[in-house]
């Protein structure tokens, strides 16, 4: 199930979602341990966030005995693209360039990623697409 626009993860849900992406397929207790260590969250808070992420379609859950095994329902780059699309849709004209510059400056991109980014910029210039 693909999440709808109004089912985007909240900031708190993103923290839990990132843990699941880092662990891959994992039990709720593993997510709880990480969330408690990094943010001091209670087990019930983490379980609530996991349930919401399943309900929204971002995670899949499989019952194993008395526990659940969670895994992402789609690749991380798809989740991030969806969030980026939402951010760009909210950006005003003239703000997208500075936003992208900020993201590049804040990121730790490898040489390969920088080369790919430069190729995208060069391709956009050649196509004459300056309007996004």
C-alpha atoms as a PDB file:
ATOM      1  CA  UNK A   1       0.000   0.000   0.000  1.00  0.00           C
ATOM      2  CA  UNK A   2       1.455   3.350  -0.995  1.00  0.00           C
ATOM      3  CA  UNK A   3       1.035   6.167   1.541  1.00  0.00           C
ATOM      4  CA  UNK A   4      -1.196   9.084   0.526  1.00  0.00           C
ATOM      5  CA  UNK A   5      -0.074  12.702   0.774  1.00  0.00           C
ATOM      6  CA  UNK A   6      -1.964  13.206   4.037  1.00  0.00           C
ATOM      7  CA  UNK A   7      -0.319  10.111   5.502  1.00  0.00           C
ATOM      8  CA  UNK A   8       3.226  11.476   5.442  1.00  0.00           C
ATOM      9  CA  UNK A   9       5.234  10.643   8.568  1.00  0.00           C
ATOM     10  CA  UNK A  10       5.324  13.215  11.345  1.00  0.00           C
ATOM     11  CA  UNK A  11       8.676  14.266  12.834  1.00  0.00           C
ATOM     12  CA  UNK A  12       8.315  11.709  15.632  1.00  0.00           C
ATOM     13  CA  UNK A  13       7.295   8.983  13.193  1.00  0.00           C
ATOM     14  CA  UNK A  14      10.338   9.783  11.048  1.00  0.00           C
ATOM     15  CA  UNK A  15      12.609   9.074  14.026  1.00  0.00           C
ATOM     16  CA  UNK A  16      11.095   5.621  14.411  1.00  0.00           C
ATOM     17  CA  UNK A  17      11.011   5.039  10.658  1.00  0.00           C
ATOM     18  CA  UNK A  18      14.736   5.843  10.411  1.00  0.00           C
ATOM     19  CA  UNK A  19      15.477   3.254  13.100  1.00  0.00           C
ATOM     20  CA  UNK A  20      13.575   0.585  11.157  1.00  0.00           C
ATOM     21  CA  UNK A  21      15.408   1.529   7.948  1.00  0.00           C
ATOM     22  CA  UNK A  22      18.745   1.266   9.773  1.00  0.00           C
ATOM     23  CA  UNK A  23      17.886  -2.139  11.257  1.00  0.00           C
ATOM     24  CA  UNK A  24      16.034  -3.534   8.250  1.00  0.00           C
ATOM     25  CA  UNK A  25      13.629  -6.223   9.379  1.00  0.00           C
ATOM     26  CA  UNK A  26      13.426  -5.907  13.164  1.00  0.00           C
ATOM     27  CA  UNK A  27      11.394  -6.684  16.241  1.00  0.00           C
ATOM     28  CA  UNK A  28       9.532  -3.986  18.121  1.00  0.00           C
ATOM     29  CA  UNK A  29      11.847  -4.438  21.122  1.00  0.00           C
ATOM     30  CA  UNK A  30      14.875  -3.532  18.969  1.00  0.00           C
ATOM     31  CA  UNK A  31      13.186  -0.326  17.842  1.00  0.00           C
ATOM     32  CA  UNK A  32      12.160   0.445  21.416  1.00  0.00           C
ATOM     33  CA  UNK A  33      15.723  -0.073  22.682  1.00  0.00           C
ATOM     34  CA  UNK A  34      17.154   2.319  20.082  1.00  0.00           C
ATOM     35  CA  UNK A  35      14.440   4.926  20.597  1.00  0.00           C
ATOM     36  CA  UNK A  36      14.892   4.794  24.362  1.00  0.00           C
ATOM     37  CA  UNK A  37      18.678   5.122  24.042  1.00  0.00           C
ATOM     38  CA  UNK A  38      18.578   8.035  21.617  1.00  0.00           C
ATOM     39  CA  UNK A  39      15.479   9.914  22.750  1.00  0.00           C
ATOM     40  CA  UNK A  40      14.364   8.490  26.071  1.00  0.00           C
ATOM     41  CA  UNK A  41      10.997   7.464  24.635  1.00  0.00           C
ATOM     42  CA  UNK A  42       8.752   5.036  26.469  1.00  0.00           C
ATOM     43  CA  UNK A  43       7.936   1.642  25.015  1.00  0.00           C
ATOM     44  CA  UNK A  44       4.274   2.596  24.665  1.00  0.00           C
ATOM     45  CA  UNK A  45       5.174   5.727  22.665  1.00  0.00           C
ATOM     46  CA  UNK A  46       7.333   3.720  20.273  1.00  0.00           C
ATOM     47  CA  UNK A  47       4.654   1.051  19.863  1.00  0.00           C
ATOM     48  CA  UNK A  48       2.085   3.748  19.093  1.00  0.00           C
ATOM     49  CA  UNK A  49       4.370   5.276  16.465  1.00  0.00           C
ATOM     50  CA  UNK A  50       5.064   1.857  14.932  1.00  0.00           C
ATOM     51  CA  UNK A  51       1.315   1.183  14.714  1.00  0.00           C
ATOM     52  CA  UNK A  52       0.707   4.560  13.080  1.00  0.00           C
ATOM     53  CA  UNK A  53       3.451   3.898  10.526  1.00  0.00           C
ATOM     54  CA  UNK A  54       1.851   0.556   9.693  1.00  0.00           C
ATOM     55  CA  UNK A  55      -1.590   2.168   9.441  1.00  0.00           C
ATOM     56  CA  UNK A  56      -0.202   4.850   7.127  1.00  0.00           C
ATOM     57  CA  UNK A  57       1.484   2.231   4.930  1.00  0.00           C
ATOM     58  CA  UNK A  58       5.122   3.129   5.645  1.00  0.00           C
ATOM     59  CA  UNK A  59       5.859  -0.112   7.510  1.00  0.00           C
ATOM     60  CA  UNK A  60       4.698  -3.687   7.273  1.00  0.00           C
ATOM     61  CA  UNK A  61       4.239  -5.787  10.383  1.00  0.00           C
ATOM     62  CA  UNK A  62       4.190  -9.539  10.775  1.00  0.00           C
ATOM     63  CA  UNK A  63       3.146 -11.185  14.009  1.00  0.00           C
ATOM     64  CA  UNK A  64       5.614 -13.711  15.385  1.00  0.00           C
ATOM     65  CA  UNK A  65       4.359 -15.228  18.618  1.00  0.00           C
ATOM     66  CA  UNK A  66       3.624 -12.363  20.979  1.00  0.00           C
ATOM     67  CA  UNK A  67       5.758  -9.845  19.106  1.00  0.00           C
ATOM     68  CA  UNK A  68       5.787  -8.109  15.738  1.00  0.00           C
ATOM     69  CA  UNK A  69       8.484  -7.988  13.110  1.00  0.00           C
ATOM     70  CA  UNK A  70       8.601  -4.661  11.242  1.00  0.00           C
ATOM     71  CA  UNK A  71      10.072  -3.796   7.890  1.00  0.00           C
ATOM     72  CA  UNK A  72       9.776  -0.815   5.550  1.00  0.00           C
ATOM     73  CA  UNK A  73       7.082  -1.110   2.912  1.00  0.00           C
ATOM     74  CA  UNK A  74       9.094   0.840   0.338  1.00  0.00           C
ATOM     75  CA  UNK A  75      12.733   1.849  -0.219  1.00  0.00           C
ATOM     76  CA  UNK A  76      14.148   4.767   1.763  1.00  0.00           C
ATOM     77  CA  UNK A  77      14.825   6.799  -1.382  1.00  0.00           C
ATOM     78  CA  UNK A  78      11.123   6.569  -2.253  1.00  0.00           C
ATOM     79  CA  UNK A  79      10.168   7.842   1.219  1.00  0.00           C
ATOM     80  CA  UNK A  80      12.674  10.678   0.957  1.00  0.00           C
ATOM     81  CA  UNK A  81      11.536  11.642  -2.534  1.00  0.00           C
ATOM     82  CA  UNK A  82       7.957  11.849  -1.327  1.00  0.00           C
ATOM     83  CA  UNK A  83       8.995  14.131   1.533  1.00  0.00           C
ATOM     84  CA  UNK A  84      11.151  16.222  -0.804  1.00  0.00           C
ATOM     85  CA  UNK A  85       8.245  16.591  -3.234  1.00  0.00           C
ATOM     86  CA  UNK A  86       6.064  17.835  -0.376  1.00  0.00           C
ATOM     87  CA  UNK A  87       8.753  20.325   0.677  1.00  0.00           C
ATOM     88  CA  UNK A  88       9.199  21.618  -2.875  1.00  0.00           C
ATOM     89  CA  UNK A  89       5.438  21.969  -3.260  1.00  0.00           C
ATOM     90  CA  UNK A  90       5.399  24.239  -0.203  1.00  0.00           C
ATOM     91  CA  UNK A  91       8.406  26.307  -1.333  1.00  0.00           C
ATOM     92  CA  UNK A  92       7.719  29.675  -2.899  1.00  0.00           C
ATOM     93  CA  UNK A  93       9.108  30.718  -6.244  1.00  0.00           C
ATOM     94  CA  UNK A  94      12.665  31.960  -5.820  1.00  0.00           C
ATOM     95  CA  UNK A  95      13.239  29.881  -2.690  1.00  0.00           C
ATOM     96  CA  UNK A  96      13.981  26.538  -4.335  1.00  0.00           C
ATOM     97  CA  UNK A  97      17.540  27.403  -5.417  1.00  0.00           C
ATOM     98  CA  UNK A  98      18.614  28.546  -1.943  1.00  0.00           C
ATOM     99  CA  UNK A  99      16.858  25.519  -0.428  1.00  0.00           C
ATOM    100  CA  UNK A 100      18.777  23.128  -2.677  1.00  0.00           C
ATOM    101  CA  UNK A 101      22.044  24.949  -1.952  1.00  0.00           C
ATOM    102  CA  UNK A 102      21.367  24.627   1.768  1.00  0.00           C
ATOM    103  CA  UNK A 103      20.665  20.900   1.439  1.00  0.00           C
ATOM    104  CA  UNK A 104      23.901  20.348  -0.480  1.00  0.00           C
ATOM    105  CA  UNK A 105      25.896  22.324   2.083  1.00  0.00           C
ATOM    106  CA  UNK A 106      24.332  20.421   5.001  1.00  0.00           C
ATOM    107  CA  UNK A 107      24.879  17.020   3.377  1.00  0.00           C
ATOM    108  CA  UNK A 108      27.990  14.929   3.427  1.00  0.00           C
ATOM    109  CA  UNK A 109      28.021  13.910  -0.203  1.00  0.00           C
ATOM    110  CA  UNK A 110      30.631  11.555  -1.599  1.00  0.00           C
ATOM    111  CA  UNK A 111      32.620  12.461  -4.692  1.00  0.00           C
ATOM    112  CA  UNK A 112      30.419  10.081  -6.677  1.00  0.00           C
ATOM    113  CA  UNK A 113      27.252  11.745  -5.390  1.00  0.00           C
ATOM    114  CA  UNK A 114      28.657  15.193  -6.180  1.00  0.00           C
ATOM    115  CA  UNK A 115      29.485  14.004  -9.699  1.00  0.00           C
ATOM    116  CA  UNK A 116      25.920  12.711 -10.136  1.00  0.00           C
ATOM    117  CA  UNK A 117      24.548  16.003  -8.857  1.00  0.00           C
ATOM    118  CA  UNK A 118      26.741  17.927 -11.284  1.00  0.00           C
ATOM    119  CA  UNK A 119      25.532  15.698 -14.133  1.00  0.00           C
ATOM    120  CA  UNK A 120      21.922  16.486 -13.171  1.00  0.00           C
ATOM    121  CA  UNK A 121      22.684  20.209 -13.144  1.00  0.00           C
ATOM    122  CA  UNK A 122      24.459  20.007 -16.518  1.00  0.00           C
ATOM    123  CA  UNK A 123      21.598  17.983 -18.022  1.00  0.00           C
ATOM    124  CA  UNK A 124      19.018  20.503 -16.774  1.00  0.00           C
ATOM    125  CA  UNK A 125      21.020  23.370 -18.293  1.00  0.00           C
ATOM    126  CA  UNK A 126      21.237  21.574 -21.640  1.00  0.00           C
ATOM    127  CA  UNK A 127      17.485  20.911 -21.627  1.00  0.00           C
ATOM    128  CA  UNK A 128      16.794  24.552 -20.760  1.00  0.00           C
ATOM    129  CA  UNK A 129      14.753  23.583 -17.712  1.00  0.00           C
ATOM    130  CA  UNK A 130      15.115  26.307 -15.166  1.00  0.00           C
ATOM    131  CA  UNK A 131      11.530  26.115 -13.921  1.00  0.00           C
ATOM    132  CA  UNK A 132      11.808  22.992 -11.754  1.00  0.00           C
END
